[in-house]
Amino acid sequence: MTATGPCNAPDGSGAVEVVDVVTLGESMVTFLPSCPGRLADVPSFDRAIGGAESNVACTLAAAGHSVRWVSRVGADGFGDHLVEAIGAYGVDVTAVRRDPARPTGIYFRTAGDRSTAAHEVAYYRTGSAASAMTVGNTDLDVVRAGRVLHLSGITAALSEGCLGLMRELTAPRAGRPLISFDVNHRPGLWPDADGAGVLLELARGADVVFVGEDEAEEAWGVTGGPEAVRAVLPEPGVLVVKQGSVGATAFVSPAGSRRLIAQFPAPLKPPGGHSPQPAGSRAAGAAPDPKTGGTPSARASDNSPRPAPTPGTFVPALTVDVVATTGAGDAFAAGFLSATLRNLPLRERLRHGHLTAAAALTAQGDLAPPPTRHHADRLAALDDDAWGRLRLGPGWTRAEQAPEEVRTP
C-alpha cells in the first residue's frame, strides 16, 4: 500500500494541504462497446474510466479548481490506469491507497441509453479494493482537508466498512467541511439492505444534497414535485432536486445560507420569491415518511422544531442533442459546486449545473470536457428568453465562441 502522509503542504510543514474539493469513492475501469448491440454480440471494447466521485473530481479540476480524490485501488494494471488517468486531469491522487489483496473494480456496458430496457451493465466490483475502505484505514484528516467534501450514496452500498466511513464523514462535527452528497440511488447495489433508509439518513446529515425527482419516488415513495422532496429532506441547507429534461429546483434554508457564509467569503442570498414552476410540478404538503407512512419526522437525535419551508428556485434545462446520458448527473453536481465555490448567485449555480451536464450529454463515456469558464459564464448570464432558445450539440464545449446554434440575437 502507499505510505500515509501524502498531501503535505508545499512549505514542508507536514500539515495537510487544503484544497477546494475532496471527493471520496470508488472509480472503476469502464469498457465501452465499439458498436451498438447486446454485450454478447459486441466484438471489442474501448477502455475508459468511470466513477461518480472521480467524475466530479475530474470535471472540477478541468474547470480550474484544486481537487483531491481519495480511494483504494488494486495493486494491478487497472489500478495504475485509474490513478494515472484521473491524475492527468489535474486531480491530486496522492491519497489513493493500493491494495495488494483486492482487485480494482471494472465494468462493461452497452452503447444504449441507460434508461432503455436494452441497456446492459456488467459490474465486476464485488470484493474490490475500494469496498475495503473503512474509518480505520482512511486518513480522515486528508479527507476533511477541503472546503467541500463530495460524497455519494454509491459508496455506502459497497460494504459495511464503507457505510461506517460515510456515517463518520456525515456526522455533525465542529469544523467539518461543507458536505456535498449526491443520493445516487442504485437499487441493484442494495439487495439485502435498507438502502432507501440509509440514503435518507446520510442525506439528512449533509449540507448540499443532489437528488433526482425520479430517485426520490423510487427510493422513498415521494410524489408531488420538488416541494414534496423538500418536505422529506428539510435538513440540508441546500437541496437540489433534478427534474430530468425539465430542469432543476434548488431550495436554500436560512441555516444553509449561514453555513455557506461561514464556509465561503461571500454570502449566498436566499431566493427572494417563488420562481415559476414547470408544467406538471405542483406545490404539495408534507409527503408521507418513507418509514412510518405519516408525516416526515426529524432525525431521532434532533428534537428541535422542523424548519419552515422556503420557496424553491427553478431553472429549466437546456435543449440538448443527447449522445449518452452516463455521467450527466455527476457533471451537474460538478457545475453547481464550481459555481458555489465562486460564490455565484443561486440561479447561475443551477445554470452552470445544466451547462456542465450538457457537456456530458453530448459526448460518449462518463467524462467530457466542460465548457471554458468564460464560455459558461456568458451563457449562464443570458436572459430567460435567450436561455430557452439555446440548443447544444456534440462539440459545443470546444468552440472558443458559441457555435451558431447557441448564438443569440
Protein backbone atom coordinates (compact mmCIF):
# COMPACT_ATOMS: atom_id res chain seq x y z
CA MET A 1 0.00 0.00 0.00
CA THR A 2 1.10 3.55 -0.44
CA ALA A 3 2.60 5.24 2.56
CA THR A 4 0.50 7.58 4.63
CA GLY A 5 1.27 11.25 4.76
CA PRO A 6 0.72 12.46 1.18
CA CYS A 7 -0.92 15.80 0.51
CA ASN A 8 1.52 17.69 2.74
CA ALA A 9 1.56 21.45 2.47
CA PRO A 10 4.03 22.86 -0.07
CA ASP A 11 6.05 24.54 2.71
CA GLY A 12 7.07 21.15 4.06
CA SER A 13 5.37 21.75 7.40
CA GLY A 14 3.69 18.34 7.36
CA ALA A 15 0.23 19.91 7.60
CA VAL A 16 -2.34 18.59 5.17
CA GLU A 17 -2.84 20.93 2.22
CA VAL A 18 -6.38 22.25 2.00
CA VAL A 19 -7.94 22.10 -1.48
CA ASP A 20 -11.20 23.37 -2.92
CA VAL A 21 -12.88 19.96 -3.10
CA VAL A 22 -12.15 16.46 -1.82
CA THR A 23 -14.08 13.54 -3.28
CA LEU A 24 -14.13 10.01 -1.86
CA GLY A 25 -15.44 6.92 -3.58
CA GLU A 26 -14.80 4.05 -5.96
CA SER A 27 -13.71 4.52 -9.54
CA MET A 28 -13.64 1.65 -11.99
CA VAL A 29 -12.15 0.92 -15.35
CA THR A 30 -15.01 1.13 -17.85
CA PHE A 31 -15.23 -0.84 -21.07
CA LEU A 32 -17.31 0.92 -23.71
CA PRO A 33 -18.60 -1.06 -26.71
CA SER A 34 -17.09 -0.45 -30.12
CA CYS A 35 -20.56 -0.77 -31.68
CA PRO A 36 -24.22 -0.98 -30.60
CA GLY A 37 -25.72 -4.30 -29.61
CA ARG A 38 -26.00 -6.79 -26.80
CA LEU A 39 -22.95 -7.40 -24.66
CA ALA A 40 -22.99 -10.94 -26.02
CA ASP A 41 -22.58 -9.59 -29.56
CA VAL A 42 -20.11 -6.72 -29.10
CA PRO A 43 -16.75 -7.83 -30.54
CA SER A 44 -14.50 -5.30 -28.77
CA PHE A 45 -14.47 -2.55 -26.20
CA ASP A 46 -12.62 0.70 -25.61
CA ARG A 47 -11.18 1.36 -22.16
CA ALA A 48 -12.21 4.42 -20.16
CA ILE A 49 -12.70 5.38 -16.52
CA GLY A 50 -15.89 5.82 -14.54
CA GLY A 51 -16.99 6.55 -11.00
CA ALA A 52 -19.40 9.13 -9.60
CA GLU A 53 -16.94 10.84 -7.27
CA SER A 54 -13.94 10.73 -9.60
CA ASN A 55 -16.15 12.07 -12.41
CA VAL A 56 -16.93 15.09 -10.22
CA ALA A 57 -13.25 15.42 -9.30
CA CYS A 58 -12.04 15.36 -12.90
CA THR A 59 -14.69 17.82 -14.09
CA LEU A 60 -13.93 20.26 -11.27
CA ALA A 61 -10.19 20.01 -11.93
CA ALA A 62 -10.77 20.65 -15.63
CA ALA A 63 -12.74 23.75 -14.59
CA GLY A 64 -9.72 25.09 -12.71
CA HIS A 65 -10.33 24.02 -9.11
CA SER A 66 -7.90 22.25 -6.79
CA VAL A 67 -9.30 18.76 -6.17
CA ARG A 68 -8.21 15.62 -4.32
CA TRP A 69 -9.63 12.15 -4.91
CA VAL A 70 -9.42 9.64 -2.04
CA SER A 71 -9.99 5.94 -2.69
CA ARG A 72 -8.42 2.48 -2.84
CA VAL A 73 -7.47 0.57 -5.98
CA GLY A 74 -5.80 -2.75 -6.55
CA ALA A 75 -2.07 -3.13 -6.99
CA ASP A 76 -2.72 -4.07 -10.61
CA GLY A 77 -2.62 -2.58 -14.09
CA PHE A 78 -6.20 -1.34 -13.88
CA GLY A 79 -5.35 0.48 -10.67
CA ASP A 80 -2.33 2.03 -12.39
CA HIS A 81 -4.56 3.21 -15.22
CA LEU A 82 -7.14 4.79 -12.92
CA VAL A 83 -4.58 6.69 -10.89
CA GLU A 84 -2.74 7.90 -13.99
CA ALA A 85 -5.89 8.83 -15.93
CA ILE A 86 -7.53 10.71 -13.07
CA GLY A 87 -4.25 12.40 -12.17
CA ALA A 88 -3.91 13.54 -15.78
CA TYR A 89 -6.96 15.77 -15.27
CA GLY A 90 -5.02 17.64 -12.59
CA VAL A 91 -6.61 15.80 -9.65
CA ASP A 92 -4.40 15.13 -6.60
CA VAL A 93 -4.27 11.31 -6.35
CA THR A 94 -1.55 11.00 -3.72
CA ALA A 95 -4.08 9.86 -1.11
CA VAL A 96 -5.18 6.84 -3.17
CA ARG A 97 -4.13 3.62 -1.42
CA ARG A 98 -3.04 0.49 -3.30
CA ASP A 99 -4.39 -2.83 -2.01
CA PRO A 100 -2.30 -5.90 -2.96
CA ALA A 101 -5.01 -8.32 -1.82
CA ARG A 102 -8.03 -6.92 -3.68
CA PRO A 103 -8.61 -6.05 -7.36
CA THR A 104 -9.62 -2.81 -9.00
CA GLY A 105 -13.28 -2.83 -9.98
CA ILE A 106 -14.25 -2.94 -13.67
CA TYR A 107 -17.49 -2.87 -15.61
CA PHE A 108 -18.82 -3.30 -19.14
CA ARG A 109 -21.85 -1.58 -20.62
CA THR A 110 -23.75 -1.40 -23.86
CA ALA A 111 -23.98 1.68 -26.04
CA GLY A 112 -27.72 2.14 -25.43
CA ASP A 113 -29.17 4.77 -23.16
CA ARG A 114 -29.27 3.74 -19.51
CA SER A 115 -33.00 4.50 -19.38
CA THR A 116 -33.89 1.93 -22.05
CA ALA A 117 -34.70 -1.73 -21.46
CA ALA A 118 -31.95 -2.76 -23.88
CA HIS A 119 -29.22 -1.18 -21.77
CA GLU A 120 -26.91 -3.70 -20.09
CA VAL A 121 -24.26 -3.18 -17.44
CA ALA A 122 -22.00 -5.93 -16.11
CA TYR A 123 -20.20 -4.95 -12.90
CA TYR A 124 -17.17 -6.78 -11.54
CA ARG A 125 -16.71 -4.88 -8.30
CA THR A 126 -17.58 -7.36 -5.53
CA GLY A 127 -14.62 -7.58 -3.17
CA SER A 128 -12.88 -4.68 -4.88
CA ALA A 129 -10.16 -2.65 -3.23
CA ALA A 130 -12.49 0.32 -2.80
CA SER A 131 -15.06 -1.80 -0.98
CA ALA A 132 -12.45 -2.31 1.77
CA MET A 133 -12.44 1.38 2.75
CA THR A 134 -13.12 1.86 6.46
CA VAL A 135 -12.75 4.54 9.10
CA GLY A 136 -9.63 2.75 10.32
CA ASN A 137 -7.73 2.59 7.03
CA THR A 138 -8.68 6.02 5.65
CA ASP A 139 -6.76 9.17 6.53
CA LEU A 140 -9.64 11.29 7.78
CA ASP A 141 -7.51 14.42 8.11
CA VAL A 142 -6.72 14.23 4.40
CA VAL A 143 -10.37 13.59 3.53
CA ARG A 144 -11.53 16.57 5.56
CA ALA A 145 -8.90 18.95 4.18
CA GLY A 146 -11.17 20.58 1.62
CA ARG A 147 -13.59 23.47 1.52
CA VAL A 148 -16.10 20.93 0.20
CA LEU A 149 -16.21 17.16 0.71
CA HIS A 150 -18.26 15.48 -2.02
CA LEU A 151 -19.71 12.02 -1.39
CA SER A 152 -22.36 9.80 -2.95
CA GLY A 153 -24.73 7.08 -1.87
CA ILE A 154 -22.93 4.53 -4.03
CA THR A 155 -20.04 4.32 -1.55
CA ALA A 156 -22.36 3.46 1.32
CA ALA A 157 -23.64 0.43 -0.59
CA LEU A 158 -20.22 -1.15 -1.19
CA SER A 159 -19.71 -2.69 2.27
CA GLU A 160 -20.41 -2.26 5.96
CA GLY A 161 -16.98 -0.68 6.32
CA CYS A 162 -17.78 1.87 3.63
CA LEU A 163 -21.13 2.62 5.26
CA GLY A 164 -19.39 3.20 8.59
CA LEU A 165 -16.98 5.59 6.88
CA MET A 166 -19.85 7.51 5.30
CA ARG A 167 -21.62 7.81 8.63
CA GLU A 168 -18.46 9.14 10.21
CA LEU A 169 -17.95 11.74 7.50
CA THR A 170 -21.56 12.99 7.54
CA ALA A 171 -21.88 13.08 11.34
CA PRO A 172 -22.16 16.51 12.99
CA ARG A 173 -18.67 17.73 13.78
CA ALA A 174 -17.20 21.12 14.57
CA GLY A 175 -15.08 22.47 11.74
CA ARG A 176 -16.06 19.84 9.20
CA PRO A 177 -16.02 20.86 5.53
CA LEU A 178 -19.18 21.61 3.64
CA ILE A 179 -20.62 18.14 2.95
CA SER A 180 -21.98 17.65 -0.56
CA PHE A 181 -23.97 14.44 -1.07
CA ASP A 182 -25.37 13.01 -4.29
CA VAL A 183 -28.02 10.41 -3.40
CA ASN A 184 -27.22 8.27 -6.48
CA HIS A 185 -29.78 5.61 -5.66
CA ARG A 186 -28.72 2.31 -7.27
CA PRO A 187 -31.25 -0.38 -6.25
CA GLY A 188 -29.04 -3.16 -7.59
CA LEU A 189 -26.37 -2.32 -5.03
CA TRP A 190 -28.76 -2.77 -2.10
CA PRO A 191 -30.17 -6.29 -2.48
CA ASP A 192 -30.18 -7.22 1.21
CA ALA A 193 -30.19 -3.86 2.99
CA ASP A 194 -32.46 -0.93 3.61
CA GLY A 195 -30.76 1.26 1.06
CA ALA A 196 -33.57 3.82 0.98
CA GLY A 197 -33.39 4.40 4.72
CA VAL A 198 -29.61 4.63 4.70
CA LEU A 199 -29.61 7.16 1.87
CA LEU A 200 -32.21 9.28 3.67
CA GLU A 201 -30.10 9.20 6.84
CA LEU A 202 -26.94 10.27 5.02
CA ALA A 203 -28.71 12.99 3.04
CA ARG A 204 -30.11 14.45 6.25
CA GLY A 205 -26.56 14.80 7.56
CA ALA A 206 -25.24 16.71 4.54
CA ASP A 207 -25.14 20.42 3.77
CA VAL A 208 -25.73 20.26 -0.01
CA VAL A 209 -27.79 17.40 -1.44
CA PHE A 210 -28.46 16.41 -5.05
CA VAL A 211 -31.32 14.03 -5.78
CA GLY A 212 -33.37 13.23 -8.84
CA GLU A 213 -37.13 13.58 -8.61
CA ASP A 214 -37.37 10.04 -10.01
CA GLU A 215 -34.87 8.77 -7.42
CA ALA A 216 -36.92 10.25 -4.58
CA GLU A 217 -40.01 8.48 -5.85
CA GLU A 218 -38.25 5.15 -6.35
CA ALA A 219 -36.36 5.19 -3.05
CA TRP A 220 -38.78 6.95 -0.70
CA GLY A 221 -42.13 6.88 -2.49
CA VAL A 222 -42.21 10.66 -2.71
CA THR A 223 -44.55 12.16 -5.29
CA GLY A 224 -45.85 15.68 -5.75
CA GLY A 225 -42.86 17.52 -7.17
CA PRO A 226 -39.74 19.15 -5.69
CA GLU A 227 -41.66 20.65 -2.75
CA ALA A 228 -42.62 17.16 -1.61
CA VAL A 229 -38.98 16.08 -1.78
CA ARG A 230 -38.05 19.11 0.32
CA ALA A 231 -40.70 18.13 2.87
CA VAL A 232 -38.93 14.80 3.35
CA LEU A 233 -35.48 16.45 3.36
CA PRO A 234 -35.77 19.76 5.24
CA GLU A 235 -32.41 19.37 7.00
CA PRO A 236 -29.87 20.11 4.21
CA GLY A 237 -29.09 23.80 3.88
CA VAL A 238 -29.17 23.40 0.11
CA LEU A 239 -31.30 20.80 -1.66
CA VAL A 240 -31.17 20.45 -5.44
CA VAL A 241 -33.96 18.37 -6.98
CA LYS A 242 -33.08 17.35 -10.53
CA GLN A 243 -36.11 17.01 -12.80
CA GLY A 244 -34.51 15.40 -15.83
CA SER A 245 -35.04 17.20 -19.12
CA VAL A 246 -37.45 19.62 -17.42
CA GLY A 247 -34.91 21.37 -15.22
CA ALA A 248 -33.88 21.55 -11.57
CA THR A 249 -35.20 23.24 -8.43
CA ALA A 250 -32.97 24.38 -5.55
CA PHE A 251 -34.07 25.11 -2.01
CA VAL A 252 -31.87 27.13 0.36
CA SER A 253 -32.75 27.46 4.03
CA PRO A 254 -31.66 30.37 6.24
CA ALA A 255 -29.43 27.91 8.11
CA GLY A 256 -27.96 26.82 4.80
CA SER A 257 -27.17 30.41 3.92
CA ARG A 258 -25.39 30.87 7.25
CA ARG A 259 -23.37 27.71 6.70
CA LEU A 260 -22.30 28.89 3.24
CA ILE A 261 -21.43 32.33 4.57
CA ALA A 262 -19.20 30.71 7.19
CA GLN A 263 -17.51 28.49 4.59
CA PHE A 264 -17.08 30.98 1.72
CA PRO A 265 -16.13 34.66 1.62
CA ALA A 266 -19.36 35.92 0.04
CA PRO A 267 -22.90 35.01 1.10
CA LEU A 268 -25.44 33.08 -0.89
CA LYS A 269 -28.62 35.12 -0.86
CA PRO A 270 -31.74 33.03 -0.25
CA PRO A 271 -34.25 33.21 -3.11
CA GLY A 272 -36.40 36.29 -2.82
CA GLY A 273 -39.52 34.75 -4.31
CA HIS A 274 -41.02 31.65 -5.77
CA SER A 275 -39.80 31.11 -9.31
CA PRO A 276 -42.24 29.77 -11.88
CA GLN A 277 -42.57 26.00 -11.82
CA PRO A 278 -42.61 23.79 -14.90
CA ALA A 279 -45.72 22.14 -16.14
CA GLY A 280 -46.56 19.11 -14.08
CA SER A 281 -44.83 20.40 -10.95
CA ARG A 282 -47.10 21.47 -8.13
CA ALA A 283 -46.81 22.52 -4.54
CA ALA A 284 -47.52 19.79 -2.04
CA GLY A 285 -47.94 19.35 1.65
CA ALA A 286 -45.83 17.11 3.80
CA ALA A 287 -45.16 13.87 1.98
CA PRO A 288 -45.53 10.53 3.77
CA ASP A 289 -42.45 9.46 5.67
CA PRO A 290 -40.79 6.55 3.81
CA LYS A 291 -40.56 4.50 7.02
CA THR A 292 -43.61 5.44 9.10
CA GLY A 293 -46.16 6.38 6.46
CA GLY A 294 -47.00 9.50 8.46
CA THR A 295 -45.61 12.99 8.16
CA PRO A 296 -41.83 13.21 7.78
CA SER A 297 -40.07 13.08 11.12
CA ALA A 298 -36.82 14.77 12.05
CA ARG A 299 -33.74 12.75 12.84
CA ALA A 300 -34.04 10.78 16.07
CA SER A 301 -31.22 12.83 17.59
CA ASP A 302 -32.87 16.13 16.68
CA ASN A 303 -35.90 17.16 18.73
CA SER A 304 -35.93 20.76 17.52
CA PRO A 305 -38.90 22.10 15.54
CA ARG A 306 -38.79 21.45 11.85
CA PRO A 307 -37.65 24.48 9.81
CA ALA A 308 -40.26 26.48 7.98
CA PRO A 309 -40.35 25.69 4.26
CA THR A 310 -38.63 28.11 1.91
CA PRO A 311 -39.60 28.62 -1.74
CA GLY A 312 -37.60 26.89 -4.42
CA THR A 313 -35.77 28.42 -7.35
CA PHE A 314 -36.43 26.63 -10.64
CA VAL A 315 -34.18 26.82 -13.70
CA PRO A 316 -35.23 24.97 -16.88
CA ALA A 317 -32.88 22.54 -18.52
CA LEU A 318 -31.32 23.21 -21.90
CA THR A 319 -32.31 21.66 -25.20
CA VAL A 320 -29.55 19.16 -25.91
CA ASP A 321 -28.82 16.74 -28.75
CA VAL A 322 -28.12 13.80 -26.44
CA VAL A 323 -25.35 11.34 -27.31
CA ALA A 324 -25.29 9.46 -23.99
CA THR A 325 -26.70 10.10 -20.53
CA THR A 326 -23.98 8.42 -18.48
CA GLY A 327 -22.20 10.84 -16.20
CA ALA A 328 -24.65 13.72 -16.67
CA GLY A 329 -25.71 13.74 -13.02
CA ASP A 330 -22.09 13.87 -11.85
CA ALA A 331 -21.42 16.70 -14.30
CA PHE A 332 -24.41 18.65 -12.99
CA ALA A 333 -23.11 18.33 -9.43
CA ALA A 334 -19.64 19.47 -10.54
CA GLY A 335 -21.04 22.51 -12.35
CA PHE A 336 -23.19 23.51 -9.38
CA LEU A 337 -20.31 23.07 -6.92
CA SER A 338 -17.92 25.01 -9.16
CA ALA A 339 -20.33 27.93 -9.22
CA THR A 340 -20.82 27.60 -5.47
CA LEU A 341 -17.06 27.84 -4.89
CA ARG A 342 -17.12 31.02 -6.96
CA ASN A 343 -19.99 32.49 -4.92
CA LEU A 344 -22.26 32.94 -7.93
CA PRO A 345 -25.99 33.62 -7.41
CA LEU A 346 -28.25 30.60 -7.00
CA ARG A 347 -29.77 30.87 -10.47
CA GLU A 348 -26.29 30.85 -12.03
CA ARG A 349 -25.30 27.84 -9.92
CA LEU A 350 -28.20 25.90 -11.38
CA ARG A 351 -27.41 27.12 -14.89
CA HIS A 352 -23.78 26.07 -14.55
CA GLY A 353 -25.04 22.67 -13.45
CA HIS A 354 -27.17 22.41 -16.58
CA LEU A 355 -24.31 23.57 -18.84
CA THR A 356 -21.83 21.09 -17.40
CA ALA A 357 -24.43 18.33 -17.66
CA ALA A 358 -24.98 19.31 -21.31
CA ALA A 359 -21.28 18.75 -21.93
CA ALA A 360 -21.60 15.17 -20.65
CA LEU A 361 -24.84 14.57 -22.52
CA THR A 362 -23.24 15.48 -25.84
CA ALA A 363 -20.26 13.10 -25.52
CA GLN A 364 -19.66 9.38 -25.11
CA GLY A 365 -18.28 7.98 -21.87
CA ASP A 366 -18.56 9.18 -18.30
CA LEU A 367 -16.40 12.27 -18.76
CA ALA A 368 -16.48 15.17 -21.21
CA PRO A 369 -14.55 18.44 -21.45
CA PRO A 370 -16.59 21.11 -19.66
CA PRO A 371 -17.07 24.50 -21.28
CA THR A 372 -14.45 27.10 -20.50
CA ARG A 373 -15.29 29.33 -17.56
CA HIS A 374 -15.69 32.36 -19.82
CA HIS A 375 -17.98 30.49 -22.21
CA ALA A 376 -20.10 29.06 -19.39
CA ASP A 377 -20.35 32.40 -17.61
CA ARG A 378 -21.51 34.09 -20.80
CA LEU A 379 -24.23 31.52 -21.42
CA ALA A 380 -25.30 31.45 -17.76
CA ALA A 381 -25.79 35.22 -17.85
CA LEU A 382 -28.31 35.14 -20.74
CA ASP A 383 -31.80 36.39 -20.15
CA ASP A 384 -34.55 33.82 -19.75
CA ASP A 385 -35.73 34.01 -23.37
CA ALA A 386 -32.22 33.55 -24.77
CA TRP A 387 -31.55 30.71 -22.34
CA GLY A 388 -34.70 28.99 -23.51
CA ARG A 389 -33.60 29.22 -27.16
CA LEU A 390 -30.23 27.54 -26.63
CA ARG A 391 -29.66 24.23 -28.35
CA LEU A 392 -26.39 22.41 -27.66
CA GLY A 393 -24.96 19.60 -29.76
CA PRO A 394 -21.79 17.49 -29.82
CA GLY A 395 -18.62 19.55 -29.78
CA TRP A 396 -20.14 22.74 -28.42
CA THR A 397 -17.71 22.96 -25.50
CA ARG A 398 -14.69 23.01 -27.80
CA ALA A 399 -15.70 26.22 -29.54
CA GLU A 400 -13.85 29.33 -28.41
CA GLN A 401 -17.04 31.23 -29.21
CA ALA A 402 -20.53 29.90 -29.12
CA PRO A 403 -21.37 27.92 -32.26
CA GLU A 404 -24.18 29.14 -34.48
CA GLU A 405 -26.81 27.02 -32.79
CA VAL A 406 -26.16 28.62 -29.40
CA ARG A 407 -25.72 32.21 -30.56
CA THR A 408 -28.34 34.69 -29.58
CA PRO A 409 -29.53 37.84 -31.36
